Amino acid sequence: MPRLLGVEIPANKKVAYSLRYINGIGPARADIIVKEASLNADMRANDLNEEQLSKILNVITEHKWLVEGDLRRDIASNLKRLQAINCYRGIRHRRGLPVRGQRTSTNARTRKGARKTIGVTKTEK
């Protein structure tokens, strides 16, 4: 398995699909990388040699794209900033609720987590 930017990319997939396993590289950027590094689009990732891997790294660095650790750090700092200034979005992030205006009376289970059933207790007389 080839390693790029600290990530093991799948060897048996085409290069454009394997590059998507790197955080910050999606379908569009993967196609740009393959084109600018002048790689064969049908080539598999395990067929890449050291020179081709360095070409891929050069394309990523010359575009100054944030990938992997730098991107994760940038996103985390953005969320911390929103929470620190107590804006609406920051409060929603802090409470683990939907941030972008979705309803919460029903649904929102992905963000809120599993249902917490509250039982009714009988009062003794």
Protein backbone atom coordinates (compact mmCIF):
# COMPACT_ATOMS: atom_id res chain seq x y z
CA MET A 1 0.00 0.00 0.00
CA PRO A 2 1.44 3.36 -0.97
CA ARG A 3 1.72 6.02 1.74
CA LEU A 4 0.92 9.65 0.97
CA LEU A 5 0.92 12.36 3.64
CA GLY A 6 0.83 9.73 6.39
CA VAL A 7 -2.19 7.93 4.92
CA GLU A 8 -2.19 4.41 3.51
CA ILE A 9 -4.11 4.68 0.27
CA PRO A 10 -5.72 1.50 -1.13
CA ALA A 11 -3.41 -0.21 -3.59
CA ASN A 12 -5.94 -2.05 -5.73
CA LYS A 13 -8.03 1.01 -6.71
CA LYS A 14 -7.41 3.54 -9.46
CA VAL A 15 -5.25 6.50 -8.43
CA ALA A 16 -8.07 9.07 -8.56
CA TYR A 17 -10.19 6.95 -6.22
CA SER A 18 -7.31 6.12 -3.89
CA LEU A 19 -6.41 9.79 -3.44
CA ARG A 20 -9.88 10.43 -1.99
CA TYR A 21 -8.84 8.55 1.16
CA ILE A 22 -6.71 11.59 2.05
CA ASN A 23 -8.70 14.06 4.12
CA GLY A 24 -9.18 17.24 2.09
CA ILE A 25 -9.04 15.61 -1.34
CA GLY A 26 -12.37 14.86 -3.00
CA PRO A 27 -13.35 13.80 -6.51
CA ALA A 28 -12.61 17.13 -8.19
CA ARG A 29 -9.20 17.62 -6.58
CA ALA A 30 -8.24 14.00 -7.23
CA ASP A 31 -8.95 14.47 -10.95
CA ILE A 32 -6.89 17.69 -10.98
CA ILE A 33 -3.98 15.92 -9.28
CA VAL A 34 -4.04 13.02 -11.76
CA LYS A 35 -4.14 15.42 -14.72
CA GLU A 36 -1.41 17.79 -13.47
CA ALA A 37 0.89 14.98 -12.37
CA SER A 38 0.44 13.54 -15.90
CA LEU A 39 -0.59 10.11 -14.63
CA ASN A 40 -2.60 7.53 -16.54
CA ALA A 41 -6.22 7.69 -15.32
CA ASP A 42 -6.53 3.88 -15.44
CA MET A 43 -3.37 3.30 -13.41
CA ARG A 44 -3.73 1.51 -10.06
CA ALA A 45 -2.21 2.95 -6.90
CA ASN A 46 0.10 -0.03 -6.36
CA ASP A 47 1.71 0.72 -9.76
CA LEU A 48 2.91 4.16 -8.62
CA ASN A 49 6.66 4.58 -8.26
CA GLU A 50 8.53 7.06 -6.06
CA GLU A 51 8.81 9.67 -8.81
CA GLN A 52 5.06 9.65 -9.43
CA LEU A 53 4.32 9.86 -5.70
CA SER A 54 6.58 12.92 -5.47
CA LYS A 55 4.76 14.48 -8.45
CA ILE A 56 1.46 14.03 -6.60
CA LEU A 57 2.92 15.67 -3.49
CA ASN A 58 4.26 18.56 -5.58
CA VAL A 59 0.83 19.21 -7.11
CA ILE A 60 -0.75 19.31 -3.64
CA THR A 61 1.90 21.66 -2.25
CA GLU A 62 1.93 24.04 -5.24
CA HIS A 63 -1.85 24.50 -4.97
CA LYS A 64 -1.40 25.12 -1.21
CA TRP A 65 -4.33 22.83 -0.36
CA LEU A 66 -4.87 22.05 3.32
CA VAL A 67 -4.93 18.29 3.77
CA GLU A 68 -4.93 15.80 6.64
CA GLY A 69 -3.57 17.19 9.94
CA ASP A 70 -3.45 20.85 8.89
CA LEU A 71 -7.05 20.72 7.67
CA ARG A 72 -8.26 18.97 10.84
CA ARG A 73 -6.45 21.55 12.98
CA ASP A 74 -7.95 24.41 10.97
CA ILE A 75 -11.50 23.05 11.31
CA ALA A 76 -11.04 22.43 15.04
CA SER A 77 -9.75 25.99 15.57
CA ASN A 78 -12.74 27.40 13.66
CA LEU A 79 -15.14 25.50 15.92
CA LYS A 80 -13.27 26.61 19.05
CA ARG A 81 -13.45 30.22 17.87
CA LEU A 82 -17.21 29.99 17.32
CA GLN A 83 -17.67 28.50 20.78
CA ALA A 84 -15.42 31.07 22.43
CA ILE A 85 -17.31 34.07 21.06
CA ASN A 86 -20.63 32.51 22.14
CA CYS A 87 -22.29 32.94 18.76
CA TYR A 88 -25.40 30.93 17.91
CA ARG A 89 -23.49 28.38 15.85
CA GLY A 90 -20.91 27.94 18.59
CA ILE A 91 -23.59 27.32 21.20
CA ARG A 92 -25.26 24.72 18.95
CA HIS A 93 -21.89 22.98 18.46
CA ARG A 94 -21.26 23.00 22.20
CA ARG A 95 -24.68 21.48 22.97
CA GLY A 96 -24.42 18.88 20.19
CA LEU A 97 -27.51 20.12 18.36
CA PRO A 98 -28.03 20.78 14.62
CA VAL A 99 -26.20 23.93 13.56
CA ARG A 100 -27.76 24.86 10.23
CA GLY A 101 -31.39 25.50 11.10
CA GLN A 102 -32.79 21.98 11.00
CA ARG A 103 -35.80 21.09 13.12
CA THR A 104 -35.22 19.32 16.43
CA SER A 105 -38.73 18.51 17.66
CA THR A 106 -38.56 15.38 15.49
CA ASN A 107 -35.56 13.88 13.73
CA ALA A 108 -32.06 15.33 14.41
CA ARG A 109 -31.08 11.93 15.79
CA THR A 110 -27.66 11.96 14.17
CA ARG A 111 -26.68 15.09 16.04
CA LYS A 112 -28.59 14.49 19.30
CA GLY A 113 -27.68 10.82 19.66
CA ALA A 114 -29.89 7.90 20.62
CA ARG A 115 -33.21 8.61 22.31
CA LYS A 116 -33.12 8.86 26.08
CA THR A 117 -36.40 7.48 27.36
CA ILE A 118 -37.69 9.16 30.49
CA GLY A 119 -40.02 6.95 32.49
CA VAL A 120 -43.01 8.17 34.46
CA THR A 121 -42.76 7.45 38.17
CA LYS A 122 -45.80 6.86 40.36
CA THR A 123 -46.06 8.82 43.57
CA GLU A 124 -46.88 6.73 46.63
CA LYS A 125 -49.84 7.86 48.76
